Protein backbone atom coordinates (compact mmCIF):
# COMPACT_ATOMS: atom_id res chain seq x y z
CA MET A 1 179.13 134.60 71.42
CA SER A 2 179.61 133.24 67.83
CA VAL A 3 177.18 130.36 68.69
CA SER A 4 174.69 132.76 69.36
CA CYS A 5 175.32 134.84 66.44
CA GLY A 6 174.86 131.53 64.32
CA VAL A 7 171.58 130.90 65.69
CA GLU A 8 170.36 134.52 65.08
CA CYS A 9 171.65 134.32 61.46
CA VAL A 10 169.85 130.95 60.90
CA PHE A 11 166.65 132.42 62.31
CA ILE A 12 166.72 135.71 60.40
CA LEU A 13 167.54 133.46 57.32
CA GLY A 14 164.60 131.19 58.09
CA CYS A 15 162.23 134.19 58.60
CA ALA A 16 163.62 135.60 55.34
CA ARG A 17 162.89 132.81 53.40
CA TRP A 18 159.18 132.26 54.64
CA LEU A 19 158.53 135.75 53.82
CA TRP A 20 160.02 135.47 50.43
CA LYS A 21 157.79 132.29 49.75
CA ARG A 22 154.85 133.79 51.14
CA CYS A 23 154.98 137.22 49.52
CA THR A 24 155.96 135.49 46.16
CA TYR A 25 153.01 133.01 46.26
CA ILE A 26 150.26 133.78 43.90
CA GLY A 27 146.66 132.58 43.48
CA SER A 28 147.63 130.35 40.47
CA TYR A 29 149.87 128.19 42.07
CA ASP A 30 146.90 126.48 43.78
CA SER A 31 145.86 125.11 40.42
CA ALA A 32 149.00 124.84 38.76
CA THR A 33 148.67 120.96 38.00
CA TRP A 34 145.05 120.96 37.37
CA PRO A 35 143.62 120.28 33.75
CA SER A 36 141.71 123.05 31.83
CA ALA A 37 137.77 123.12 32.11
CA THR A 38 135.75 122.64 28.84
CA PRO A 39 133.30 125.13 27.41
CA LEU A 40 130.35 122.73 27.97
CA GLU A 41 130.76 122.67 31.90
CA PHE A 42 131.74 126.20 32.42
CA GLU A 43 129.23 127.60 30.03
CA PRO A 44 126.58 128.24 32.96
CA VAL A 45 128.65 130.27 35.11
CA PRO A 46 128.62 133.43 33.56
CA ARG A 47 124.85 133.15 33.53
CA VAL A 48 124.44 132.46 36.90
CA CYS A 49 126.49 135.45 37.88
CA ARG A 50 124.15 137.64 35.85
CA LEU A 51 121.23 136.23 37.86
CA ILE A 52 122.73 137.14 40.98
CA LEU A 53 123.74 140.41 39.91
CA ALA A 54 119.93 140.98 38.78
CA ILE A 55 119.01 140.80 42.71
CA TYR A 56 120.83 144.12 43.16
CA GLU A 57 119.18 145.64 39.99
CA PRO A 58 116.54 148.06 40.96
CA ASP A 59 114.89 147.77 37.69
CA LEU A 60 115.42 144.85 35.56
CA HIS A 61 114.13 146.65 32.32
CA ASN A 62 116.72 149.16 32.60
CA PRO A 63 119.92 147.06 34.30
CA HIS A 64 123.10 148.90 35.52
CA TYR A 65 125.32 146.03 36.21
CA TYR A 66 125.08 144.16 33.09
CA ILE A 67 124.54 145.02 29.24
CA PRO A 68 121.74 142.75 27.79
CA SER A 69 122.97 143.19 24.29
CA HIS A 70 126.19 141.17 25.28
CA GLY A 71 126.14 137.68 26.43
CA TYR A 72 123.12 136.21 28.26
CA HIS A 73 119.87 138.25 28.49
CA ILE A 74 117.83 138.01 31.68
CA ASN A 75 113.89 138.36 30.67
CA PRO A 76 112.22 140.16 33.33
CA ASN A 77 108.94 138.41 32.39
CA TRP A 78 110.20 135.06 33.67
CA VAL A 79 111.32 136.31 37.20
CA VAL A 80 108.97 134.58 39.44
CA LYS A 81 109.91 136.05 42.79
CA ARG A 82 112.45 138.97 43.78
CA VAL A 83 112.55 138.74 47.80
CA THR A 84 113.75 141.72 49.69
CA TYR A 85 115.33 141.90 53.31
CA LYS A 86 111.83 143.00 54.43
CA GLU A 87 110.37 139.80 53.26
CA THR A 88 113.18 137.49 54.37
CA GLU A 89 112.99 139.01 58.00
CA GLY A 90 116.64 138.46 58.56
CA HIS A 91 116.32 134.52 57.69
CA ALA A 92 118.27 134.64 54.86
CA PRO A 93 119.77 137.29 52.08
CA PRO A 94 117.52 138.66 49.26
CA TYR A 95 117.01 136.11 46.67
CA LEU A 96 115.37 135.50 43.19
CA ILE A 97 113.41 132.56 41.45
CA TYR A 98 113.72 132.71 37.71
CA VAL A 99 112.51 130.23 34.87
CA ASP A 100 115.31 130.29 32.28
CA HIS A 101 112.98 128.77 29.27
CA ASP A 102 115.90 129.16 26.85
CA HIS A 103 118.12 126.70 29.13
CA ARG A 104 115.19 124.61 30.62
CA GLU A 105 116.09 125.56 34.36
CA ILE A 106 114.57 126.95 37.43
CA VAL A 107 117.00 128.94 39.13
CA MET A 108 117.07 130.30 42.90
CA ALA A 109 119.78 132.85 43.25
CA VAL A 110 120.91 134.15 46.58
CA ARG A 111 122.98 137.35 46.82
CA GLY A 112 126.14 138.07 48.91
CA LEU A 113 127.06 139.75 52.25
CA ASN A 114 125.63 143.02 52.63
CA LEU A 115 128.05 145.04 55.04
CA ALA A 116 125.00 147.57 56.21
CA LYS A 117 122.59 144.67 57.25
CA GLU A 118 122.87 143.31 60.79
CA SER A 119 120.63 140.26 59.81
CA ASP A 120 123.56 138.95 57.49
CA TYR A 121 126.21 139.16 60.57
CA LYS A 122 123.74 137.52 62.61
CA LEU A 123 123.83 134.36 60.12
CA LEU A 124 127.61 134.73 60.24
CA LEU A 125 127.88 134.74 63.80
CA ASP A 126 125.64 131.69 64.40
CA ASN A 127 128.38 129.15 64.49
CA LYS A 128 131.29 128.02 66.17
CA LEU A 129 133.72 126.42 63.80
CA GLY A 130 131.52 123.88 62.55
CA LYS A 131 129.83 122.79 65.63
CA GLN A 132 126.74 121.60 63.57
CA MET A 133 127.11 118.10 62.65
CA PHE A 134 125.19 117.36 59.47
CA ASP A 135 124.85 114.43 57.06
CA GLY A 136 128.31 112.53 58.45
CA GLY A 137 130.45 115.82 58.54
CA TYR A 138 130.11 119.31 59.91
CA VAL A 139 128.59 122.34 58.78
CA HIS A 140 128.12 126.11 59.57
CA HIS A 141 125.47 126.13 61.61
CA GLY A 142 124.08 129.75 60.90
CA LEU A 143 124.17 129.08 57.19
CA LEU A 144 122.40 125.52 57.61
CA LYS A 145 119.69 127.08 59.31
CA SER A 146 119.12 129.72 56.53
CA ALA A 147 119.18 126.86 54.06
CA VAL A 148 116.34 124.87 55.89
CA TRP A 149 114.36 128.42 56.21
CA LEU A 150 114.56 128.97 52.45
CA LEU A 151 113.52 125.32 51.69
CA ASN A 152 110.52 125.45 54.09
CA LYS A 153 109.59 128.82 52.37
CA GLU A 154 109.95 128.18 48.79
CA SER A 155 109.62 124.39 48.40
CA GLU A 156 105.99 124.49 47.20
CA THR A 157 107.11 127.38 44.61
CA LEU A 158 109.86 125.42 43.22
CA LYS A 159 107.88 121.86 43.06
CA ASN A 160 104.96 123.87 41.25
CA LEU A 161 107.46 125.39 38.73
CA TRP A 162 109.04 122.11 38.08
CA VAL A 163 105.63 120.35 37.83
CA GLU A 164 104.35 123.04 35.51
CA ASN A 165 107.11 122.97 33.09
CA GLY A 166 106.64 119.19 32.07
CA LEU A 167 109.36 117.52 34.84
CA GLU A 168 112.10 118.37 31.97
CA TYR A 169 113.72 121.36 33.51
CA GLY A 170 116.68 121.27 35.95
CA MET A 171 116.89 122.96 39.27
CA VAL A 172 119.91 125.21 39.68
CA PHE A 173 120.96 127.00 43.06
CA ALA A 174 123.33 129.88 42.66
CA GLY A 175 124.96 132.14 45.46
CA HIS A 176 127.78 134.39 45.79
CA SER A 177 129.88 135.07 49.19
CA LEU A 178 127.28 134.63 52.16
CA GLY A 179 124.85 133.18 49.42
CA SER A 180 127.13 130.64 48.17
CA GLY A 181 127.45 128.91 51.53
CA ILE A 182 123.56 128.80 51.96
CA VAL A 183 122.97 127.69 48.53
CA SER A 184 125.72 124.67 49.04
CA LEU A 185 123.82 123.56 52.13
CA LEU A 186 120.46 124.08 50.52
CA SER A 187 121.20 121.77 47.51
CA ILE A 188 122.49 118.97 49.94
CA LEU A 189 119.37 119.50 51.93
CA VAL A 190 117.32 119.20 48.40
CA VAL A 191 119.23 116.20 47.50
CA ASN A 192 118.50 114.52 50.59
CA HIS A 193 114.73 115.45 50.53
CA ARG A 194 113.78 115.60 47.01
CA GLU A 195 110.16 114.65 47.92
CA ARG A 196 109.98 118.37 48.99
CA LEU A 197 110.30 119.37 45.22
CA GLY A 198 108.13 116.63 43.65
CA GLY A 199 110.70 114.09 43.73
CA ILE A 200 113.19 115.76 41.30
CA PRO A 201 115.74 113.48 39.98
CA LYS A 202 119.04 113.98 41.77
CA ASP A 203 120.74 114.35 38.34
CA LYS A 204 118.71 117.38 37.67
CA ILE A 205 119.64 119.22 40.65
CA ARG A 206 122.85 121.45 40.23
CA CYS A 207 124.59 124.23 42.70
CA TYR A 208 127.00 127.00 41.60
CA ALA A 209 128.81 128.69 44.48
CA ILE A 210 130.36 131.93 43.42
CA ALA A 211 133.30 133.12 45.54
CA PRO A 212 132.52 130.07 47.86
CA ALA A 213 132.45 130.47 51.72
CA ARG A 214 134.10 127.46 53.71
CA CYS A 215 131.05 126.16 55.01
CA MET A 216 131.29 122.47 55.19
CA SER A 217 133.84 119.57 56.24
CA LEU A 218 136.24 117.94 53.76
CA ASN A 219 134.43 114.79 53.70
CA LEU A 220 131.29 116.64 52.61
CA ALA A 221 133.17 118.91 50.14
CA VAL A 222 134.43 115.98 48.29
CA LYS A 223 131.43 113.85 48.59
CA TYR A 224 129.14 116.17 46.81
CA ALA A 225 131.47 117.48 44.25
CA ASN A 226 129.15 115.93 41.65
CA LEU A 227 126.48 118.55 42.59
CA ILE A 228 128.28 121.51 43.94
CA HIS A 229 130.47 123.55 41.57
CA SER A 230 132.78 126.31 43.20
CA ILE A 231 133.81 129.08 41.07
CA VAL A 232 137.11 131.04 42.41
CA LEU A 233 138.71 134.10 40.78
CA GLN A 234 142.64 134.13 41.07
CA ASP A 235 143.47 135.50 44.80
CA ASP A 236 139.88 135.40 46.36
CA PHE A 237 140.57 135.64 50.08
CA LEU A 238 137.32 133.90 51.21
CA PRO A 239 138.05 130.31 49.76
CA ARG A 240 141.44 130.42 51.40
CA THR A 241 140.56 131.46 54.83
CA PRO A 242 140.00 128.75 57.27
CA THR A 243 139.16 131.17 60.24
CA PRO A 244 135.65 131.16 61.01
CA LEU A 245 133.37 133.62 58.66
CA GLU A 246 132.29 135.52 61.81
CA ASP A 247 135.91 136.39 62.67
CA ILE A 248 136.69 137.41 59.14
CA PHE A 249 133.70 139.89 58.85
CA LYS A 250 134.21 141.15 62.47
CA SER A 251 137.59 142.11 61.21
CA VAL A 252 136.72 143.42 57.71
CA PHE A 253 138.24 146.64 58.22
CA CYS A 254 141.42 145.46 59.28
CA LEU A 255 141.29 142.59 56.91
CA PRO A 256 144.99 142.43 55.45
CA CYS A 257 146.30 142.11 59.31
CA LEU A 258 143.98 139.29 59.91
CA LEU A 259 144.99 137.28 56.55
CA PHE A 260 148.52 137.83 57.48
CA LEU A 261 148.08 136.68 60.71
CA VAL A 262 146.06 133.64 59.49
CA CYS A 263 148.82 133.06 56.95
CA LEU A 264 151.65 133.21 59.72
CA ARG A 265 149.62 130.61 61.98
CA ASP A 266 148.79 128.14 59.26
CA THR A 267 152.49 128.14 58.10
CA PHE A 268 153.09 125.93 61.43
CA ILE A 269 150.03 123.67 61.29
CA PRO A 270 151.20 120.47 59.50
CA GLU A 271 149.19 119.30 56.55
CA GLY A 272 148.11 115.96 58.11
CA ARG A 273 146.61 117.74 61.06
CA LYS A 274 144.73 120.16 59.07
CA LEU A 275 143.30 117.08 56.75
CA GLN A 276 142.18 115.25 60.09
CA ASP A 277 140.47 117.96 61.82
CA PRO A 278 137.00 116.83 61.38
CA ARG A 279 135.58 120.50 62.35
CA ARG A 280 137.76 122.61 59.73
CA LEU A 281 135.58 123.92 57.14
CA TYR A 282 136.21 124.02 53.48
CA ALA A 283 134.90 125.53 50.05
CA PRO A 284 132.48 123.03 48.87
CA GLY A 285 132.49 120.71 45.73
CA ARG A 286 134.46 120.62 42.26
CA MET A 287 136.50 123.83 41.83
CA TYR A 288 136.69 125.94 38.97
CA HIS A 289 139.72 128.49 39.26
CA ILE A 290 139.80 131.29 37.08
CA VAL A 291 143.51 132.28 36.42
CA GLU A 292 144.44 135.56 34.75
CA ARG A 293 147.82 137.05 36.42
CA LYS A 294 151.02 135.62 36.64
CA PHE A 295 154.19 136.10 38.92
CA CYS A 296 156.06 139.75 38.55
CA ARG A 297 153.75 140.35 35.67
CA CYS A 298 151.48 143.41 35.78
CA GLY A 299 147.81 143.58 34.57
CA ARG A 300 145.19 141.18 33.80
CA PHE A 301 145.95 138.46 31.04
CA PRO A 302 143.33 136.51 29.02
CA PRO A 303 141.63 134.29 31.59
CA GLU A 304 142.10 130.54 31.66
CA VAL A 305 139.76 128.21 33.89
CA ARG A 306 141.10 125.09 35.54
CA THR A 307 139.26 122.58 37.32
CA ALA A 308 139.79 119.81 39.68
CA ILE A 309 138.27 118.11 42.94
CA PRO A 310 141.36 118.70 45.17
CA VAL A 311 141.62 116.90 48.68
CA ASP A 312 144.80 117.80 50.18
CA GLY A 313 146.03 121.35 49.16
CA ARG A 314 142.53 122.43 48.82
CA PHE A 315 142.83 126.15 48.75
CA GLU A 316 144.83 126.28 51.86
CA HIS A 317 147.24 129.04 51.21
CA ILE A 318 146.69 132.70 51.74
CA VAL A 319 147.41 134.85 49.15
CA LEU A 320 149.34 138.16 50.26
CA SER A 321 148.02 140.23 47.17
CA CYS A 322 146.28 143.70 46.78
CA ASN A 323 143.57 141.86 44.83
CA THR A 324 142.47 139.49 47.42
CA THR A 325 139.44 141.68 48.05
CA SER A 326 138.68 142.62 44.51
CA ASP A 327 138.61 139.11 43.04
CA HIS A 328 135.72 138.48 45.53
CA ALA A 329 133.63 141.06 43.79
CA ILE A 330 130.64 139.25 41.91
CA ILE A 331 130.87 141.82 38.81
CA TRP A 332 134.55 141.00 38.24
CA ILE A 333 133.87 137.18 38.32
CA GLU A 334 130.92 137.74 35.93
CA ARG A 335 133.24 139.75 33.61
CA GLU A 336 136.18 137.31 33.70
CA ALA A 337 133.96 134.21 33.61
CA GLU A 338 132.58 135.50 30.52
CA LYS A 339 135.77 136.39 28.72
CA ALA A 340 137.30 133.08 29.84
CA LEU A 341 133.95 131.14 28.28
CA GLN A 342 134.37 132.93 25.17
CA LEU A 343 138.48 132.32 24.74
CA MET A 344 137.76 128.73 25.28
CA LYS A 345 134.69 128.71 22.68
CA ASN A 346 136.97 130.59 19.87
CA GLN A 347 139.90 128.18 20.78
CA ASN A 348 137.65 124.93 20.38
CA SER A 349 136.15 126.58 17.09
CA SER A 350 139.63 127.32 15.66
CA GLU A 351 140.58 123.53 16.33
CA THR A 352 139.62 120.53 13.74
CA VAL A 353 136.83 118.81 14.83
CA THR A 354 137.54 114.83 14.54
CA VAL A 355 135.15 113.58 16.95
CA PRO A 356 131.12 114.23 17.00
CA PRO A 357 130.32 116.78 19.71
CA THR A 358 128.02 114.08 21.62
CA VAL A 359 130.89 111.67 21.64
CA GLN A 360 132.93 114.62 23.38
CA LYS A 361 130.42 115.23 25.71
CA PHE A 362 129.70 111.66 26.85
CA GLU A 363 133.64 111.09 27.43
CA ARG A 364 133.82 114.32 29.49
CA LEU A 365 131.23 113.31 31.70
CA LYS A 366 132.86 109.97 32.10
CA THR A 367 136.11 111.59 33.03
CA ILE A 368 134.05 113.80 35.55
CA GLU A 369 132.49 110.76 37.25
CA LYS A 370 136.05 109.37 37.60
CA GLU A 371 137.63 112.42 38.91
CA HIS A 372 134.90 112.33 41.63
CA LYS A 373 135.61 108.72 42.52
CA ASP A 374 139.12 109.29 42.55
CA ALA A 375 138.81 112.20 44.99
CA LEU A 376 136.82 110.14 47.37
CA GLU A 377 139.40 107.44 47.35
CA ARG A 378 141.93 109.93 47.89
CA ALA A 379 140.12 111.47 50.75
CA VAL A 380 139.95 107.86 52.48
CA SER A 381 143.69 107.12 51.64
CA LEU A 382 144.57 110.34 53.77
CA ASN A 383 142.21 109.53 56.66
CA VAL A 384 140.07 112.21 56.27
CA PRO A 385 137.14 111.65 58.97
CA HIS A 386 134.11 110.42 58.04
CA ALA A 387 135.14 110.19 54.24
CA VAL A 388 133.58 107.61 51.91
CA ASP A 389 135.50 105.67 49.11
CA ALA A 390 132.51 105.61 46.77
CA ALA A 391 129.91 107.77 45.58
CA GLU A 392 126.42 106.41 46.43
CA ASN A 393 123.57 106.54 43.87
CA GLU A 394 120.86 107.61 46.46
CA PRO A 395 121.69 109.82 49.34
CA SER A 396 119.16 108.20 51.35
CA GLU A 397 121.58 105.13 51.66
CA ASN A 398 124.58 107.07 52.82
CA ASN A 399 126.30 106.52 56.16
CA GLU A 400 123.53 104.59 57.80
CA GLY A 401 123.96 104.12 61.41
CA GLU A 402 126.13 107.23 61.91
CA GLU A 403 125.64 110.03 64.43
CA ALA A 404 124.62 112.35 61.43
CA SER A 405 122.34 109.91 59.53
CA GLY A 406 119.52 111.33 61.57
CA ASN A 407 119.81 114.59 59.63
CA SER A 408 119.54 113.47 55.99
CA GLY A 409 116.49 111.34 55.33
CA ASP A 410 114.60 110.88 52.13
CA LYS A 411 111.10 110.71 53.19
CA GLU A 412 108.55 113.19 54.76
CA ALA A 413 105.56 113.07 56.85
CA THR A 414 104.29 110.51 59.49
CA ALA A 415 103.48 107.92 57.25
CA SER A 416 107.16 107.34 56.18
CA SER A 417 108.70 107.43 59.51
CA THR A 418 108.85 103.96 59.87
CA GLU A 419 110.52 103.43 56.81
CA SER A 420 113.10 105.89 57.68
CA LYS A 421 113.93 104.20 61.15
CA THR A 422 114.41 101.12 59.36
CA SER A 423 116.92 102.19 57.00
CA GLY A 424 119.48 103.21 59.85
CA GLY A 425 117.39 105.58 61.96
CA ARG A 426 117.16 108.22 59.37
CA SER A 427 114.82 111.38 60.00
CA THR A 428 112.10 112.93 58.24
CA TRP A 429 112.14 116.50 57.29
CA GLU A 430 110.26 117.56 60.53
CA GLU A 431 112.88 115.92 62.76
CA VAL A 432 115.54 117.71 60.93
CA VAL A 433 114.11 121.08 61.42
CA GLU A 434 112.96 120.21 65.19
CA LYS A 435 116.60 119.22 65.89
CA LEU A 436 117.82 122.43 64.57
CA LEU A 437 115.21 124.56 66.37
CA LYS A 438 116.12 122.60 69.69
CA LYS A 439 119.63 123.48 69.28
CA ASN A 440 119.19 127.04 68.56
CA GLU A 441 116.73 127.25 71.53
CA THR A 442 119.81 125.68 73.79
CA GLY A 443 122.30 128.14 72.44
CA ASN A 444 119.91 131.07 73.33
CA LYS A 445 119.41 129.64 76.70
CA HIS A 446 123.11 129.40 77.29
CA MET A 447 123.63 133.12 76.09
CA GLU A 448 121.01 134.11 78.44
CA ASP A 449 122.26 132.19 81.20
CA SER A 450 125.71 133.82 80.80
CA THR A 451 124.35 137.32 80.50
CA ASN A 452 122.73 136.85 83.79
CA VAL A 453 125.56 135.47 85.59
CA SER A 454 127.67 138.50 84.17
CA GLU A 455 125.06 140.88 85.59
């Protein structure tokens, strides 16, 4: 009897300890050891947030979601396209193409999930835990199809804009929530098929994933960390939830219950097992974490931004907080990002400058390159599946001979098919699209067969 009581006490103490650790875990712990971001690298974030918000505006001349006199101003005359759900026909959420002449950028911004639109749910449901292999890793199949559709539809527009502006402009892809996953995969497609945009240099392509969805395997998330920048506000649930996106949004009305169950399940999964699961999806690229709340402190504090390319412990802990959904809202992210940027600028201006800004910028770029290389080496040392230990200069040379290399060539059309085959069997753009379409047709056929059997 005493032994049984002792076992029960140990069990109760263990559960109480776990409950205490989970309930007291806050979002700022994820980035506690990360260095602070600089104003130079974080400066575009509030700007792209406002461009995403512009998609929601019924009239850009009389905006509702931002004040033109504060911060970045969107010029309605520079909007090239505003595409609605009717025009996308369910292939992608609404998006906007904008030429920012002040910052010499061509921006494609994609909005987040619309809970009232069935087409958005179809994109999420078109996946089974990263079954689509791509570029040596695994990605969300529905989001990849949407990215392919966007590139097919708008490649000529983006190419013409880039050529017309003297080849000096950068190409920026930005998205929120569902849109973040689409633009992350779209930027990878563009980097691997740059001829679709007139041969734009790789260093002119950037992607900003706001409140990012977990859309790619860890090796790809680290590999493209020099291209994709993910922005997370404090306790946001989406970058931390490894459950497939379709399960999350099917349970949107009981989301707290789902998050608690996911938290309970992941407690018993060893870290090494998570890292070595090739189909486990992650938030992409370099992470920028906006931290503004502290343990046992009420209210929001002046936000600070921390940045790193994490490999192990990459936003793996669910935060049991009442702010997990509010921190996902684009309007809150935009406001807090603007506050954080102004605080960083004020702090820098109050310090005595002893080094010319150009040297500071050069040194920061070198640091970012080194962090990326270290993250790649860290992924290899942890035996992350398909990880590479060096950043390749040209994506067309990556992972030659691998199973997924057929999805990421750097040439187009029949005339270049011979060259693509000699570089390790790499596919042209048409072959990439054909493979995706075949996979989709096969999936539809299986669904029809199963429906017939059930009938």
